[in-house]
């Protein structure tokens, strides 16, 4: 599964305050073929493990469903 690279929607798998935990999750996602990245938001200081961006909500929802099927708790943002 690869993100389209355009758009503004992302699928978030976690928001963590510990860099080590976020790095471990990102590595696990990458091992499963996901193009995951960590984004930090200045508003909340958390490390957001996300996949995307996606051009359409339909694409983001499809990725969310795949992640849930693989055992991850994911949301579209």
PDB file of N, CA and C in Angstrom:
ATOM      1  N   UNK A   1       0.824  -1.200   0.000  1.00  0.00           N
ATOM      2  CA  UNK A   1       0.000   0.000   0.000  1.00  0.00           C
ATOM      3  C   UNK A   1       0.861   1.254   0.000  1.00  0.00           C
ATOM      4  N   UNK A   2       0.622   2.112  -0.934  1.00  0.00           N
ATOM      5  CA  UNK A   2       1.420   3.326  -1.065  1.00  0.00           C
ATOM      6  C   UNK A   2       0.480   4.513  -1.134  1.00  0.00           C
ATOM      7  N   UNK A   3       0.822   5.562  -0.427  1.00  0.00           N
ATOM      8  CA  UNK A   3       0.031   6.783  -0.462  1.00  0.00           C
ATOM      9  C   UNK A   3       0.207   7.467  -1.804  1.00  0.00           C
ATOM     10  N   UNK A   4      -0.803   8.217  -2.210  1.00  0.00           N
ATOM     11  CA  UNK A   4      -0.765   8.884  -3.502  1.00  0.00           C
ATOM     12  C   UNK A   4       0.232  10.036  -3.532  1.00  0.00           C
ATOM     13  N   UNK A   5       0.533  10.620  -2.370  1.00  0.00           N
ATOM     14  CA  UNK A   5       1.509  11.705  -2.308  1.00  0.00           C
ATOM     15  C   UNK A   5       0.922  13.086  -2.527  1.00  0.00           C
ATOM     16  N   UNK A   6      -0.346  13.146  -2.922  1.00  0.00           N
ATOM     17  CA  UNK A   6      -0.981  14.441  -3.092  1.00  0.00           C
ATOM     18  C   UNK A   6      -2.241  14.477  -2.248  1.00  0.00           C
ATOM     19  N   UNK A   7      -2.668  15.663  -1.914  1.00  0.00           N
ATOM     20  CA  UNK A   7      -3.876  15.799  -1.115  1.00  0.00           C
ATOM     21  C   UNK A   7      -3.560  16.253   0.288  1.00  0.00           C
ATOM     22  N   UNK A   8      -4.610  16.242   1.118  1.00  0.00           N
ATOM     23  CA  UNK A   8      -4.444  16.759   2.475  1.00  0.00           C
ATOM     24  C   UNK A   8      -4.893  15.774   3.541  1.00  0.00           C
ATOM     25  N   UNK A   9      -5.431  14.626   3.149  1.00  0.00           N
ATOM     26  CA  UNK A   9      -5.887  13.636   4.118  1.00  0.00           C
ATOM     27  C   UNK A   9      -4.775  12.659   4.459  1.00  0.00           C
ATOM     28  N   UNK A  10      -4.670  12.323   5.733  1.00  0.00           N
ATOM     29  CA  UNK A  10      -3.700  11.325   6.171  1.00  0.00           C
ATOM     30  C   UNK A  10      -4.419  10.301   7.032  1.00  0.00           C
ATOM     31  N   UNK A  11      -3.803   9.134   7.154  1.00  0.00           N
ATOM     32  CA  UNK A  11      -4.299   8.112   8.062  1.00  0.00           C
ATOM     33  C   UNK A  11      -3.311   8.051   9.218  1.00  0.00           C
ATOM     34  N   UNK A  12      -3.809   8.329  10.407  1.00  0.00           N
ATOM     35  CA  UNK A  12      -2.954   8.355  11.596  1.00  0.00           C
ATOM     36  C   UNK A  12      -3.106   7.046  12.363  1.00  0.00           C
ATOM     37  N   UNK A  13      -1.967   6.459  12.711  1.00  0.00           N
ATOM     38  CA  UNK A  13      -1.956   5.199  13.438  1.00  0.00           C
ATOM     39  C   UNK A  13      -1.741   5.453  14.927  1.00  0.00           C
ATOM     40  N   UNK A  14      -1.017   6.512  15.274  1.00  0.00           N
ATOM     41  CA  UNK A  14      -0.759   6.814  16.687  1.00  0.00           C
ATOM     42  C   UNK A  14      -0.300   8.244  16.842  1.00  0.00           C
ATOM     43  N   UNK A  15      -0.457   8.736  18.071  1.00  0.00           N
ATOM     44  CA  UNK A  15       0.112  10.016  18.489  1.00  0.00           C
ATOM     45  C   UNK A  15       0.772   9.737  19.827  1.00  0.00           C
ATOM     46  N   UNK A  16       2.079   9.816  19.865  1.00  0.00           N
ATOM     47  CA  UNK A  16       2.829   9.401  21.046  1.00  0.00           C
ATOM     48  C   UNK A  16       3.739  10.528  21.516  1.00  0.00           C
ATOM     49  N   UNK A  17       3.979  10.567  22.810  1.00  0.00           N
ATOM     50  CA  UNK A  17       4.881  11.582  23.358  1.00  0.00           C
ATOM     51  C   UNK A  17       6.326  11.075  23.411  1.00  0.00           C
ATOM     52  N   UNK A  18       6.536   9.780  23.229  1.00  0.00           N
ATOM     53  CA  UNK A  18       7.887   9.213  23.298  1.00  0.00           C
ATOM     54  C   UNK A  18       8.406   8.880  21.907  1.00  0.00           C
ATOM     55  N   UNK A  19       9.535   9.483  21.554  1.00  0.00           N
ATOM     56  CA  UNK A  19      10.115   9.295  20.231  1.00  0.00           C
ATOM     57  C   UNK A  19      10.441   7.829  19.963  1.00  0.00           C
ATOM     58  N   UNK A  20      10.955   7.119  20.959  1.00  0.00           N
ATOM     59  CA  UNK A  20      11.306   5.716  20.772  1.00  0.00           C
ATOM     60  C   UNK A  20      10.106   4.867  20.381  1.00  0.00           C
ATOM     61  N   UNK A  21       8.971   5.111  21.018  1.00  0.00           N
ATOM     62  CA  UNK A  21       7.749   4.365  20.692  1.00  0.00           C
ATOM     63  C   UNK A  21       7.264   4.696  19.283  1.00  0.00           C
ATOM     64  N   UNK A  22       7.290   5.965  18.927  1.00  0.00           N
ATOM     65  CA  UNK A  22       6.867   6.374  17.588  1.00  0.00           C
ATOM     66  C   UNK A  22       7.788   5.781  16.533  1.00  0.00           C
ATOM     67  N   UNK A  23       9.106   5.783  16.797  1.00  0.00           N
ATOM     68  CA  UNK A  23      10.065   5.201  15.851  1.00  0.00           C
ATOM     69  C   UNK A  23       9.840   3.706  15.674  1.00  0.00           C
ATOM     70  N   UNK A  24       9.557   2.991  16.780  1.00  0.00           N
ATOM     71  CA  UNK A  24       9.315   1.549  16.694  1.00  0.00           C
ATOM     72  C   UNK A  24       8.074   1.250  15.864  1.00  0.00           C
ATOM     73  N   UNK A  25       7.008   2.017  16.068  1.00  0.00           N
ATOM     74  CA  UNK A  25       5.785   1.813  15.305  1.00  0.00           C
ATOM     75  C   UNK A  25       6.019   2.120  13.831  1.00  0.00           C
ATOM     76  N   UNK A  26       6.695   3.215  13.535  1.00  0.00           N
ATOM     77  CA  UNK A  26       6.972   3.559  12.150  1.00  0.00           C
ATOM     78  C   UNK A  26       7.784   2.453  11.473  1.00  0.00           C
ATOM     79  N   UNK A  27       8.777   1.915  12.160  1.00  0.00           N
ATOM     80  CA  UNK A  27       9.594   0.835  11.600  1.00  0.00           C
ATOM     81  C   UNK A  27       8.747  -0.410  11.338  1.00  0.00           C
ATOM     82  N   UNK A  28       7.860  -0.744  12.263  1.00  0.00           N
ATOM     83  CA  UNK A  28       6.994  -1.910  12.080  1.00  0.00           C
ATOM     84  C   UNK A  28       6.078  -1.713  10.871  1.00  0.00           C
ATOM     85  N   UNK A  29       5.538  -0.516  10.721  1.00  0.00           N
ATOM     86  CA  UNK A  29       4.681  -0.235   9.580  1.00  0.00           C
ATOM     87  C   UNK A  29       5.457  -0.352   8.277  1.00  0.00           C
ATOM     88  N   UNK A  30       6.673   0.174   8.250  1.00  0.00           N
ATOM     89  CA  UNK A  30       7.498   0.104   7.042  1.00  0.00           C
ATOM     90  C   UNK A  30       7.838  -1.341   6.697  1.00  0.00           C
ATOM     91  N   UNK A  31       8.075  -2.169   7.716  1.00  0.00           N
ATOM     92  CA  UNK A  31       8.350  -3.592   7.457  1.00  0.00           C
ATOM     93  C   UNK A  31       7.152  -4.287   6.818  1.00  0.00           C
ATOM     94  N   UNK A  32       5.958  -3.774   7.095  1.00  0.00           N
ATOM     95  CA  UNK A  32       4.742  -4.332   6.497  1.00  0.00           C
ATOM     96  C   UNK A  32       4.397  -3.664   5.167  1.00  0.00           C
ATOM     97  N   UNK A  33       5.273  -2.825   4.669  1.00  0.00           N
ATOM     98  CA  UNK A  33       5.084  -2.229   3.354  1.00  0.00           C
ATOM     99  C   UNK A  33       4.369  -0.894   3.329  1.00  0.00           C
ATOM    100  N   UNK A  34       4.107  -0.332   4.494  1.00  0.00           N
ATOM    101  CA  UNK A  34       3.440   0.968   4.551  1.00  0.00           C
ATOM    102  C   UNK A  34       4.464   2.090   4.471  1.00  0.00           C
ATOM    103  N   UNK A  35       4.084   3.167   3.808  1.00  0.00           N
ATOM    104  CA  UNK A  35       4.944   4.336   3.679  1.00  0.00           C
ATOM    105  C   UNK A  35       4.636   5.296   4.834  1.00  0.00           C
ATOM    106  N   UNK A  36       5.095   4.935   6.028  1.00  0.00           N
ATOM    107  CA  UNK A  36       4.779   5.694   7.238  1.00  0.00           C
ATOM    108  C   UNK A  36       5.822   6.769   7.505  1.00  0.00           C
ATOM    109  N   UNK A  37       5.377   7.821   8.169  1.00  0.00           N
ATOM    110  CA  UNK A  37       6.270   8.906   8.565  1.00  0.00           C
ATOM    111  C   UNK A  37       5.793   9.469   9.896  1.00  0.00           C
ATOM    112  N   UNK A  38       6.695  10.142  10.582  1.00  0.00           N
ATOM    113  CA  UNK A  38       6.360  10.794  11.848  1.00  0.00           C
ATOM    114  C   UNK A  38       6.281  12.293  11.604  1.00  0.00           C
ATOM    115  N   UNK A  39       5.178  12.883  12.033  1.00  0.00           N
ATOM    116  CA  UNK A  39       4.986  14.335  11.915  1.00  0.00           C
ATOM    117  C   UNK A  39       4.748  14.889  13.311  1.00  0.00           C
ATOM    118  N   UNK A  40       5.401  16.013  13.597  1.00  0.00           N
ATOM    119  CA  UNK A  40       5.212  16.644  14.903  1.00  0.00           C
ATOM    120  C   UNK A  40       4.433  17.930  14.725  1.00  0.00           C
ATOM    121  N   UNK A  41       3.403  18.060  15.543  1.00  0.00           N
ATOM    122  CA  UNK A  41       2.554  19.244  15.498  1.00  0.00           C
ATOM    123  C   UNK A  41       2.941  20.177  16.635  1.00  0.00           C
ATOM    124  N   UNK A  42       3.236  21.436  16.342  1.00  0.00           N
ATOM    125  CA  UNK A  42       3.610  22.356  17.415  1.00  0.00           C
ATOM    126  C   UNK A  42       2.479  22.604  18.411  1.00  0.00           C
ATOM    127  N   UNK A  43       1.227  22.379  18.001  1.00  0.00           N
ATOM    128  CA  UNK A  43       0.088  22.632  18.882  1.00  0.00           C
ATOM    129  C   UNK A  43       0.026  21.656  20.052  1.00  0.00           C
ATOM    130  N   UNK A  44       0.390  20.385  19.837  1.00  0.00           N
ATOM    131  CA  UNK A  44       0.224  19.409  20.919  1.00  0.00           C
ATOM    132  C   UNK A  44       1.515  18.692  21.319  1.00  0.00           C
ATOM    133  N   UNK A  45       2.595  18.922  20.616  1.00  0.00           N
ATOM    134  CA  UNK A  45       3.912  18.359  20.948  1.00  0.00           C
ATOM    135  C   UNK A  45       3.988  16.830  20.822  1.00  0.00           C
ATOM    136  N   UNK A  46       2.949  16.205  20.273  1.00  0.00           N
ATOM    137  CA  UNK A  46       2.974  14.756  20.101  1.00  0.00           C
ATOM    138  C   UNK A  46       3.601  14.378  18.765  1.00  0.00           C
ATOM    139  N   UNK A  47       4.090  13.161  18.696  1.00  0.00           N
ATOM    140  CA  UNK A  47       4.652  12.616  17.468  1.00  0.00           C
ATOM    141  C   UNK A  47       3.551  11.791  16.804  1.00  0.00           C
ATOM    142  N   UNK A  48       3.108  12.231  15.638  1.00  0.00           N
ATOM    143  CA  UNK A  48       1.994  11.597  14.934  1.00  0.00           C
ATOM    144  C   UNK A  48       2.545  10.639  13.884  1.00  0.00           C
ATOM    145  N   UNK A  49       2.258   9.352  14.040  1.00  0.00           N
ATOM    146  CA  UNK A  49       2.680   8.346  13.065  1.00  0.00           C
ATOM    147  C   UNK A  49       1.566   8.262  12.029  1.00  0.00           C
ATOM    148  N   UNK A  50       1.899   8.645  10.786  1.00  0.00           N
ATOM    149  CA  UNK A  50       0.881   8.787   9.754  1.00  0.00           C
ATOM    150  C   UNK A  50       1.323   8.180   8.426  1.00  0.00           C
ATOM    151  N   UNK A  51       0.321   7.887   7.609  1.00  0.00           N
ATOM    152  CA  UNK A  51       0.526   7.436   6.240  1.00  0.00           C
ATOM    153  C   UNK A  51      -0.273   8.386   5.362  1.00  0.00           C
ATOM    154  N   UNK A  52       0.335   8.840   4.286  1.00  0.00           N
ATOM    155  CA  UNK A  52      -0.347   9.760   3.379  1.00  0.00           C
ATOM    156  C   UNK A  52       0.592  10.861   2.942  1.00  0.00           C
ATOM    157  N   UNK A  53       0.104  11.851   2.311  1.00  0.00           N
ATOM    158  CA  UNK A  53      -1.302  12.244   2.167  1.00  0.00           C
ATOM    159  C   UNK A  53      -2.009  11.506   1.027  1.00  0.00           C
ATOM    160  N   UNK A  54      -3.333  11.570   1.080  1.00  0.00           N
ATOM    161  CA  UNK A  54      -4.190  10.954   0.079  1.00  0.00           C
ATOM    162  C   UNK A  54      -5.017  12.027  -0.601  1.00  0.00           C
ATOM    163  N   UNK A  55      -5.268  11.834  -1.886  1.00  0.00           N
ATOM    164  CA  UNK A  55      -6.004  12.829  -2.670  1.00  0.00           C
ATOM    165  C   UNK A  55      -7.499  12.807  -2.364  1.00  0.00           C
ATOM    166  N   UNK A  56      -8.030  11.630  -2.011  1.00  0.00           N
ATOM    167  CA  UNK A  56      -9.475  11.538  -1.777  1.00  0.00           C
ATOM    168  C   UNK A  56      -9.758  10.842  -0.451  1.00  0.00           C
ATOM    169  N   UNK A  57     -10.936  11.111   0.098  1.00  0.00           N
ATOM    170  CA  UNK A  57     -11.358  10.441   1.328  1.00  0.00           C
ATOM    171  C   UNK A  57     -11.501   8.945   1.082  1.00  0.00           C
ATOM    172  N   UNK A  58     -11.930   8.571  -0.103  1.00  0.00           N
ATOM    173  CA  UNK A  58     -12.078   7.157  -0.444  1.00  0.00           C
ATOM    174  C   UNK A  58     -10.725   6.436  -0.357  1.00  0.00           C
ATOM    175  N   UNK A  59      -9.665   7.050  -0.863  1.00  0.00           N
ATOM    176  CA  UNK A  59      -8.330   6.448  -0.780  1.00  0.00           C
ATOM    177  C   UNK A  59      -7.867   6.327   0.672  1.00  0.00           C
ATOM    178  N   UNK A  60      -8.103   7.389   1.454  1.00  0.00           N
ATOM    179  CA  UNK A  60      -7.707   7.373   2.866  1.00  0.00           C
ATOM    180  C   UNK A  60      -8.497   6.316   3.633  1.00  0.00           C
ATOM    181  N   UNK A  61      -9.797   6.204   3.359  1.00  0.00           N
ATOM    182  CA  UNK A  61     -10.628   5.196   4.027  1.00  0.00           C
ATOM    183  C   UNK A  61     -10.175   3.783   3.677  1.00  0.00           C
ATOM    184  N   UNK A  62      -9.779   3.567   2.428  1.00  0.00           N
ATOM    185  CA  UNK A  62      -9.300   2.246   2.017  1.00  0.00           C
ATOM    186  C   UNK A  62      -8.027   1.882   2.781  1.00  0.00           C
ATOM    187  N   UNK A  63      -7.124   2.853   2.957  1.00  0.00           N
ATOM    188  CA  UNK A  63      -5.899   2.603   3.709  1.00  0.00           C
ATOM    189  C   UNK A  63      -6.226   2.334   5.173  1.00  0.00           C
ATOM    190  N   UNK A  64      -7.164   3.084   5.727  1.00  0.00           N
ATOM    191  CA  UNK A  64      -7.570   2.878   7.121  1.00  0.00           C
ATOM    192  C   UNK A  64      -8.094   1.457   7.307  1.00  0.00           C
ATOM    193  N   UNK A  65      -8.940   1.002   6.406  1.00  0.00           N
ATOM    194  CA  UNK A  65      -9.494  -0.354   6.506  1.00  0.00           C
ATOM    195  C   UNK A  65      -8.399  -1.405   6.418  1.00  0.00           C
ATOM    196  N   UNK A  66      -7.416  -1.186   5.553  1.00  0.00           N
ATOM    197  CA  UNK A  66      -6.309  -2.143   5.427  1.00  0.00           C
ATOM    198  C   UNK A  66      -5.509  -2.184   6.726  1.00  0.00           C
ATOM    199  N   UNK A  67      -5.227  -1.026   7.294  1.00  0.00           N
ATOM    200  CA  UNK A  67      -4.483  -0.968   8.560  1.00  0.00           C
ATOM    201  C   UNK A  67      -5.249  -1.662   9.683  1.00  0.00           C
ATOM    202  N   UNK A  68      -6.544  -1.436   9.754  1.00  0.00           N
ATOM    203  CA  UNK A  68      -7.358  -2.091  10.781  1.00  0.00           C
ATOM    204  C   UNK A  68      -7.315  -3.604  10.583  1.00  0.00           C
ATOM    205  N   UNK A  69      -7.379  -4.049   9.336  1.00  0.00           N
ATOM    206  CA  UNK A  69      -7.282  -5.475   9.039  1.00  0.00           C
ATOM    207  C   UNK A  69      -5.950  -6.076   9.457  1.00  0.00           C
ATOM    208  N   UNK A  70      -4.906  -5.239   9.466  1.00  0.00           N
ATOM    209  CA  UNK A  70      -3.571  -5.686   9.890  1.00  0.00           C
ATOM    210  C   UNK A  70      -3.368  -5.528  11.399  1.00  0.00           C
ATOM    211  N   UNK A  71      -4.412  -5.100  12.118  1.00  0.00           N
ATOM    212  CA  UNK A  71      -4.334  -5.010  13.567  1.00  0.00           C
ATOM    213  C   UNK A  71      -3.975  -3.652  14.131  1.00  0.00           C
ATOM    214  N   UNK A  72      -3.939  -2.631  13.303  1.00  0.00           N
ATOM    215  CA  UNK A  72      -3.615  -1.280  13.764  1.00  0.00           C
ATOM    216  C   UNK A  72      -4.904  -0.495  13.993  1.00  0.00           C
ATOM    217  N   UNK A  73      -4.871   0.413  14.955  1.00  0.00           N
ATOM    218  CA  UNK A  73      -5.988   1.310  15.218  1.00  0.00           C
ATOM    219  C   UNK A  73      -5.688   2.591  14.433  1.00  0.00           C
ATOM    220  N   UNK A  74      -6.467   2.872  13.398  1.00  0.00           N
ATOM    221  CA  UNK A  74      -6.158   3.990  12.528  1.00  0.00           C
ATOM    222  C   UNK A  74      -7.362   4.909  12.357  1.00  0.00           C
ATOM    223  N   UNK A  75      -7.074   6.194  12.156  1.00  0.00           N
ATOM    224  CA  UNK A  75      -8.120   7.181  11.900  1.00  0.00           C
ATOM    225  C   UNK A  75      -7.714   8.042  10.711  1.00  0.00           C
ATOM    226  N   UNK A  76      -8.714   8.556  10.010  1.00  0.00           N
ATOM    227  CA  UNK A  76      -8.469   9.486   8.912  1.00  0.00           C
ATOM    228  C   UNK A  76      -8.504  10.892   9.475  1.00  0.00           C
ATOM    229  N   UNK A  77      -7.491  11.688   9.129  1.00  0.00           N
ATOM    230  CA  UNK A  77      -7.419  13.086   9.582  1.00  0.00           C
ATOM    231  C   UNK A  77      -7.323  14.001   8.380  1.00  0.00           C
TER     232      UNK A  77
END
